[in-house]
Amino acid sequence: MIVAVEGPSAAGKSTWCRATSEQFVAEYTPTGEEPDGSDPAEQATHWAQVNAQRWTQALTLQAATGVAV
């Protein structure tokens, strides 16, 4: 099972994930390499790739433990 936690900024999502489960995909940490938004296609491609990597992490965690948050 994969549990997706959504909500507004600073609502406690990360805190809840850490308190609820050791099997969670960490939130995205900015790298300084993110697109500046001047090229919408580049920005869309970047964030699609970032989120595809996070989804892959969730699938791997789920396969190993049965649950990913």
PDB file of N, CA and C in Angstrom:
ATOM      1  N   MET A   1       0.843  -1.163   0.000  1.00  0.00           N
ATOM      2  CA  MET A   1       0.000   0.000   0.000  1.00  0.00           C
ATOM      3  C   MET A   1       0.896   1.237   0.000  1.00  0.00           C
ATOM      4  N   ILE A   2       0.544   2.205  -0.832  1.00  0.00           N
ATOM      5  CA  ILE A   2       1.233   3.483  -0.853  1.00  0.00           C
ATOM      6  C   ILE A   2       0.260   4.533  -0.334  1.00  0.00           C
ATOM      7  N   VAL A   3       0.669   5.267   0.688  1.00  0.00           N
ATOM      8  CA  VAL A   3      -0.149   6.314   1.289  1.00  0.00           C
ATOM      9  C   VAL A   3       0.425   7.658   0.873  1.00  0.00           C
ATOM     10  N   ALA A   4      -0.353   8.458   0.166  1.00  0.00           N
ATOM     11  CA  ALA A   4       0.072   9.802  -0.232  1.00  0.00           C
ATOM     12  C   ALA A   4      -0.505  10.806   0.760  1.00  0.00           C
ATOM     13  N   VAL A   5       0.353  11.649   1.301  1.00  0.00           N
ATOM     14  CA  VAL A   5      -0.061  12.645   2.289  1.00  0.00           C
ATOM     15  C   VAL A   5       0.043  14.017   1.638  1.00  0.00           C
ATOM     16  N   GLU A   6      -1.068  14.727   1.587  1.00  0.00           N
ATOM     17  CA  GLU A   6      -1.108  16.041   0.953  1.00  0.00           C
ATOM     18  C   GLU A   6      -1.694  17.060   1.909  1.00  0.00           C
ATOM     19  N   GLY A   7      -1.325  18.307   1.695  1.00  0.00           N
ATOM     20  CA  GLY A   7      -1.875  19.382   2.502  1.00  0.00           C
ATOM     21  C   GLY A   7      -1.085  20.652   2.302  1.00  0.00           C
ATOM     22  N   PRO A   8      -1.540  21.740   2.927  1.00  0.00           N
ATOM     23  CA  PRO A   8      -0.872  23.021   2.757  1.00  0.00           C
ATOM     24  C   PRO A   8       0.507  23.032   3.419  1.00  0.00           C
ATOM     25  N   SER A   9       1.294  23.999   3.025  1.00  0.00           N
ATOM     26  CA  SER A   9       2.633  24.170   3.585  1.00  0.00           C
ATOM     27  C   SER A   9       2.555  24.333   5.105  1.00  0.00           C
ATOM     28  N   ALA A  10       3.480  23.678   5.797  1.00  0.00           N
ATOM     29  CA  ALA A  10       3.609  23.781   7.257  1.00  0.00           C
ATOM     30  C   ALA A  10       2.403  23.228   8.014  1.00  0.00           C
ATOM     31  N   ALA A  11       1.698  22.262   7.409  1.00  0.00           N
ATOM     32  CA  ALA A  11       0.532  21.671   8.066  1.00  0.00           C
ATOM     33  C   ALA A  11       0.911  20.489   8.966  1.00  0.00           C
ATOM     34  N   GLY A  12       2.173  20.023   8.864  1.00  0.00           N
ATOM     35  CA  GLY A  12       2.608  18.898   9.684  1.00  0.00           C
ATOM     36  C   GLY A  12       2.685  17.581   8.946  1.00  0.00           C
ATOM     37  N   LYS A  13       2.692  17.616   7.621  1.00  0.00           N
ATOM     38  CA  LYS A  13       2.732  16.376   6.832  1.00  0.00           C
ATOM     39  C   LYS A  13       3.992  15.565   7.113  1.00  0.00           C
ATOM     40  N   SER A  14       5.143  16.201   7.039  1.00  0.00           N
ATOM     41  CA  SER A  14       6.411  15.487   7.275  1.00  0.00           C
ATOM     42  C   SER A  14       6.492  14.968   8.705  1.00  0.00           C
ATOM     43  N   THR A  15       6.058  15.765   9.646  1.00  0.00           N
ATOM     44  CA  THR A  15       6.054  15.341  11.054  1.00  0.00           C
ATOM     45  C   THR A  15       5.163  14.125  11.228  1.00  0.00           C
ATOM     46  N   TRP A  16       3.996  14.141  10.621  1.00  0.00           N
ATOM     47  CA  TRP A  16       3.081  13.007  10.714  1.00  0.00           C
ATOM     48  C   TRP A  16       3.698  11.766  10.095  1.00  0.00           C
ATOM     49  N   CYS A  17       4.336  11.923   8.920  1.00  0.00           N
ATOM     50  CA  CYS A  17       4.949  10.775   8.244  1.00  0.00           C
ATOM     51  C   CYS A  17       6.036  10.151   9.117  1.00  0.00           C
ATOM     52  N   ARG A  18       6.888  10.985   9.694  1.00  0.00           N
ATOM     53  CA  ARG A  18       7.965  10.457  10.551  1.00  0.00           C
ATOM     54  C   ARG A  18       7.405   9.779  11.796  1.00  0.00           C
ATOM     55  N   ALA A  19       6.329  10.315  12.357  1.00  0.00           N
ATOM     56  CA  ALA A  19       5.746   9.755  13.567  1.00  0.00           C
ATOM     57  C   ALA A  19       4.954   8.479  13.289  1.00  0.00           C
ATOM     58  N   THR A  20       4.417   8.356  12.086  1.00  0.00           N
ATOM     59  CA  THR A  20       3.537   7.252  11.746  1.00  0.00           C
ATOM     60  C   THR A  20       4.283   6.037  11.216  1.00  0.00           C
ATOM     61  N   SER A  21       5.349   6.266  10.478  1.00  0.00           N
ATOM     62  CA  SER A  21       5.977   5.160   9.775  1.00  0.00           C
ATOM     63  C   SER A  21       7.458   5.413   9.563  1.00  0.00           C
ATOM     64  N   GLU A  22       8.236   4.347   9.649  1.00  0.00           N
ATOM     65  CA  GLU A  22       9.649   4.436   9.289  1.00  0.00           C
ATOM     66  C   GLU A  22       9.817   4.262   7.783  1.00  0.00           C
ATOM     67  N   GLN A  23       8.763   3.814   7.108  1.00  0.00           N
ATOM     68  CA  GLN A  23       8.803   3.559   5.674  1.00  0.00           C
ATOM     69  C   GLN A  23       8.207   4.737   4.922  1.00  0.00           C
ATOM     70  N   PHE A  24       8.944   5.851   4.866  1.00  0.00           N
ATOM     71  CA  PHE A  24       8.407   6.983   4.119  1.00  0.00           C
ATOM     72  C   PHE A  24       9.438   7.527   3.141  1.00  0.00           C
ATOM     73  N   VAL A  25       8.917   8.094   2.074  1.00  0.00           N
ATOM     74  CA  VAL A  25       9.760   8.752   1.076  1.00  0.00           C
ATOM     75  C   VAL A  25       9.929  10.190   1.551  1.00  0.00           C
ATOM     76  N   ALA A  26      11.154  10.597   1.750  1.00  0.00           N
ATOM     77  CA  ALA A  26      11.419  11.936   2.275  1.00  0.00           C
ATOM     78  C   ALA A  26      10.927  13.006   1.310  1.00  0.00           C
ATOM     79  N   GLU A  27      10.582  14.148   1.871  1.00  0.00           N
ATOM     80  CA  GLU A  27      10.146  15.256   1.029  1.00  0.00           C
ATOM     81  C   GLU A  27      11.296  15.724   0.141  1.00  0.00           C
ATOM     82  N   TYR A  28      10.948  16.390  -0.936  1.00  0.00           N
ATOM     83  CA  TYR A  28      11.939  16.894  -1.880  1.00  0.00           C
ATOM     84  C   TYR A  28      12.780  17.980  -1.210  1.00  0.00           C
ATOM     85  N   THR A  29      14.082  17.888  -1.394  1.00  0.00           N
ATOM     86  CA  THR A  29      15.001  18.898  -0.885  1.00  0.00           C
ATOM     87  C   THR A  29      15.566  19.672  -2.077  1.00  0.00           C
ATOM     88  N   PRO A  30      15.379  20.980  -2.106  1.00  0.00           N
ATOM     89  CA  PRO A  30      15.905  21.760  -3.229  1.00  0.00           C
ATOM     90  C   PRO A  30      17.412  21.567  -3.398  1.00  0.00           C
ATOM     91  N   THR A  31      17.837  21.529  -4.650  1.00  0.00           N
ATOM     92  CA  THR A  31      19.246  21.303  -4.968  1.00  0.00           C
ATOM     93  C   THR A  31      19.937  22.558  -5.469  1.00  0.00           C
ATOM     94  N   GLY A  32      19.158  23.586  -5.811  1.00  0.00           N
ATOM     95  CA  GLY A  32      19.721  24.772  -6.425  1.00  0.00           C
ATOM     96  C   GLY A  32      19.812  24.660  -7.935  1.00  0.00           C
ATOM     97  N   GLU A  33      19.446  23.491  -8.457  1.00  0.00           N
ATOM     98  CA  GLU A  33      19.496  23.238  -9.901  1.00  0.00           C
ATOM     99  C   GLU A  33      18.108  23.286 -10.542  1.00  0.00           C
ATOM    100  N   GLU A  34      17.099  23.671  -9.780  1.00  0.00           N
ATOM    101  CA  GLU A  34      15.741  23.708 -10.308  1.00  0.00           C
ATOM    102  C   GLU A  34      15.627  24.793 -11.391  1.00  0.00           C
ATOM    103  N   PRO A  35      14.795  24.549 -12.404  1.00  0.00           N
ATOM    104  CA  PRO A  35      14.595  25.562 -13.441  1.00  0.00           C
ATOM    105  C   PRO A  35      14.001  26.838 -12.848  1.00  0.00           C
ATOM    106  N   ASP A  36      14.320  27.967 -13.460  1.00  0.00           N
ATOM    107  CA  ASP A  36      13.848  29.255 -12.948  1.00  0.00           C
ATOM    108  C   ASP A  36      12.445  29.618 -13.410  1.00  0.00           C
ATOM    109  N   GLY A  37      11.845  28.801 -14.234  1.00  0.00           N
ATOM    110  CA  GLY A  37      10.490  29.046 -14.701  1.00  0.00           C
ATOM    111  C   GLY A  37      10.415  29.805 -16.006  1.00  0.00           C
ATOM    112  N   SER A  38      11.560  30.211 -16.546  1.00  0.00           N
ATOM    113  CA  SER A  38      11.538  30.962 -17.805  1.00  0.00           C
ATOM    114  C   SER A  38      11.184  30.084 -19.001  1.00  0.00           C
ATOM    115  N   ASP A  39      11.390  28.789 -18.870  1.00  0.00           N
ATOM    116  CA  ASP A  39      11.041  27.844 -19.931  1.00  0.00           C
ATOM    117  C   ASP A  39      10.039  26.841 -19.359  1.00  0.00           C
ATOM    118  N   PRO A  40       8.748  27.036 -19.636  1.00  0.00           N
ATOM    119  CA  PRO A  40       7.727  26.156 -19.062  1.00  0.00           C
ATOM    120  C   PRO A  40       7.943  24.678 -19.383  1.00  0.00           C
ATOM    121  N   ALA A  41       8.411  24.367 -20.585  1.00  0.00           N
ATOM    122  CA  ALA A  41       8.630  22.959 -20.947  1.00  0.00           C
ATOM    123  C   ALA A  41       9.757  22.361 -20.112  1.00  0.00           C
ATOM    124  N   GLU A  42      10.825  23.119 -19.918  1.00  0.00           N
ATOM    125  CA  GLU A  42      11.939  22.644 -19.087  1.00  0.00           C
ATOM    126  C   GLU A  42      11.479  22.425 -17.647  1.00  0.00           C
ATOM    127  N   GLN A  43      10.686  23.358 -17.145  1.00  0.00           N
ATOM    128  CA  GLN A  43      10.186  23.239 -15.779  1.00  0.00           C
ATOM    129  C   GLN A  43       9.284  22.016 -15.636  1.00  0.00           C
ATOM    130  N   ALA A  44       8.402  21.804 -16.581  1.00  0.00           N
ATOM    131  CA  ALA A  44       7.505  20.651 -16.539  1.00  0.00           C
ATOM    132  C   ALA A  44       8.288  19.351 -16.593  1.00  0.00           C
ATOM    133  N   THR A  45       9.279  19.283 -17.462  1.00  0.00           N
ATOM    134  CA  THR A  45      10.103  18.080 -17.583  1.00  0.00           C
ATOM    135  C   THR A  45      10.855  17.809 -16.289  1.00  0.00           C
ATOM    136  N   HIS A  46      11.436  18.852 -15.718  1.00  0.00           N
ATOM    137  CA  HIS A  46      12.202  18.697 -14.473  1.00  0.00           C
ATOM    138  C   HIS A  46      11.332  18.119 -13.360  1.00  0.00           C
ATOM    139  N   TRP A  47      10.172  18.749 -13.115  1.00  0.00           N
ATOM    140  CA  TRP A  47       9.336  18.309 -11.999  1.00  0.00           C
ATOM    141  C   TRP A  47       8.687  16.948 -12.264  1.00  0.00           C
ATOM    142  N   ALA A  48       8.407  16.630 -13.521  1.00  0.00           N
ATOM    143  CA  ALA A  48       7.908  15.290 -13.839  1.00  0.00           C
ATOM    144  C   ALA A  48       8.970  14.247 -13.514  1.00  0.00           C
ATOM    145  N   GLN A  49      10.225  14.533 -13.827  1.00  0.00           N
ATOM    146  CA  GLN A  49      11.320  13.601 -13.523  1.00  0.00           C
ATOM    147  C   GLN A  49      11.533  13.466 -12.021  1.00  0.00           C
ATOM    148  N   VAL A  50      11.507  14.581 -11.303  1.00  0.00           N
ATOM    149  CA  VAL A  50      11.668  14.545  -9.837  1.00  0.00           C
ATOM    150  C   VAL A  50      10.583  13.667  -9.221  1.00  0.00           C
ATOM    151  N   ASN A  51       9.340  13.888  -9.631  1.00  0.00           N
ATOM    152  CA  ASN A  51       8.244  13.130  -9.031  1.00  0.00           C
ATOM    153  C   ASN A  51       8.208  11.684  -9.494  1.00  0.00           C
ATOM    154  N   ALA A  52       8.674  11.394 -10.704  1.00  0.00           N
ATOM    155  CA  ALA A  52       8.790  10.001 -11.147  1.00  0.00           C
ATOM    156  C   ALA A  52       9.822   9.265 -10.296  1.00  0.00           C
ATOM    157  N   GLN A  53      10.916   9.936  -9.942  1.00  0.00           N
ATOM    158  CA  GLN A  53      11.929   9.321  -9.072  1.00  0.00           C
ATOM    159  C   GLN A  53      11.351   9.055  -7.685  1.00  0.00           C
ATOM    160  N   ARG A  54      10.566   9.987  -7.163  1.00  0.00           N
ATOM    161  CA  ARG A  54       9.958   9.797  -5.843  1.00  0.00           C
ATOM    162  C   ARG A  54       8.954   8.645  -5.877  1.00  0.00           C
ATOM    163  N   TRP A  55       8.187   8.527  -6.971  1.00  0.00           N
ATOM    164  CA  TRP A  55       7.232   7.428  -7.097  1.00  0.00           C
ATOM    165  C   TRP A  55       7.973   6.090  -7.155  1.00  0.00           C
ATOM    166  N   THR A  56       9.094   6.055  -7.867  1.00  0.00           N
ATOM    167  CA  THR A  56       9.917   4.845  -7.924  1.00  0.00           C
ATOM    168  C   THR A  56      10.419   4.472  -6.536  1.00  0.00           C
ATOM    169  N   GLN A  57      10.812   5.466  -5.751  1.00  0.00           N
ATOM    170  CA  GLN A  57      11.230   5.198  -4.369  1.00  0.00           C
ATOM    171  C   GLN A  57      10.085   4.590  -3.566  1.00  0.00           C
ATOM    172  N   ALA A  58       8.882   5.106  -3.754  1.00  0.00           N
ATOM    173  CA  ALA A  58       7.713   4.575  -3.050  1.00  0.00           C
ATOM    174  C   ALA A  58       7.428   3.137  -3.468  1.00  0.00           C
ATOM    175  N   LEU A  59       7.519   2.850  -4.751  1.00  0.00           N
ATOM    176  CA  LEU A  59       7.288   1.484  -5.228  1.00  0.00           C
ATOM    177  C   LEU A  59       8.330   0.518  -4.660  1.00  0.00           C
ATOM    178  N   THR A  60       9.582   0.943  -4.618  1.00  0.00           N
ATOM    179  CA  THR A  60      10.653   0.105  -4.080  1.00  0.00           C
ATOM    180  C   THR A  60      10.436  -0.157  -2.592  1.00  0.00           C
ATOM    181  N   LEU A  61      10.070   0.896  -1.853  1.00  0.00           N
ATOM    182  CA  LEU A  61       9.813   0.755  -0.426  1.00  0.00           C
ATOM    183  C   LEU A  61       8.613  -0.146  -0.172  1.00  0.00           C
ATOM    184  N   GLN A  62       7.567   0.025  -0.953  1.00  0.00           N
ATOM    185  CA  GLN A  62       6.384  -0.819  -0.812  1.00  0.00           C
ATOM    186  C   GLN A  62       6.714  -2.285  -1.088  1.00  0.00           C
ATOM    187  N   ALA A  63       7.509  -2.529  -2.104  1.00  0.00           N
ATOM    188  CA  ALA A  63       7.876  -3.904  -2.429  1.00  0.00           C
ATOM    189  C   ALA A  63       8.698  -4.533  -1.300  1.00  0.00           C
ATOM    190  N   ALA A  64       9.517  -3.743  -0.638  1.00  0.00           N
ATOM    191  CA  ALA A  64      10.372  -4.274   0.425  1.00  0.00           C
ATOM    192  C   ALA A  64       9.642  -4.436   1.753  1.00  0.00           C
ATOM    193  N   THR A  65       8.690  -3.545   2.054  1.00  0.00           N
ATOM    194  CA  THR A  65       8.085  -3.536   3.391  1.00  0.00           C
ATOM    195  C   THR A  65       6.579  -3.726   3.404  1.00  0.00           C
ATOM    196  N   GLY A  66       5.939  -3.562   2.244  1.00  0.00           N
ATOM    197  CA  GLY A  66       4.491  -3.676   2.173  1.00  0.00           C
ATOM    198  C   GLY A  66       3.765  -2.338   2.280  1.00  0.00           C
ATOM    199  N   VAL A  67       4.456  -1.327   2.823  1.00  0.00           N
ATOM    200  CA  VAL A  67       3.839  -0.008   2.997  1.00  0.00           C
ATOM    201  C   VAL A  67       4.865   1.072   2.697  1.00  0.00           C
ATOM    202  N   ALA A  68       4.423   2.097   2.003  1.00  0.00           N
ATOM    203  CA  ALA A  68       5.243   3.296   1.795  1.00  0.00           C
ATOM    204  C   ALA A  68       4.366   4.506   2.032  1.00  0.00           C
ATOM    205  N   VAL A  69       4.895   5.466   2.738  1.00  0.00           N
ATOM    206  CA  VAL A  69       4.161   6.706   3.021  1.00  0.00           C
ATOM    207  C   VAL A  69       4.874   7.831   2.319  1.00  0.00           C
TER     208      VAL A  69
END
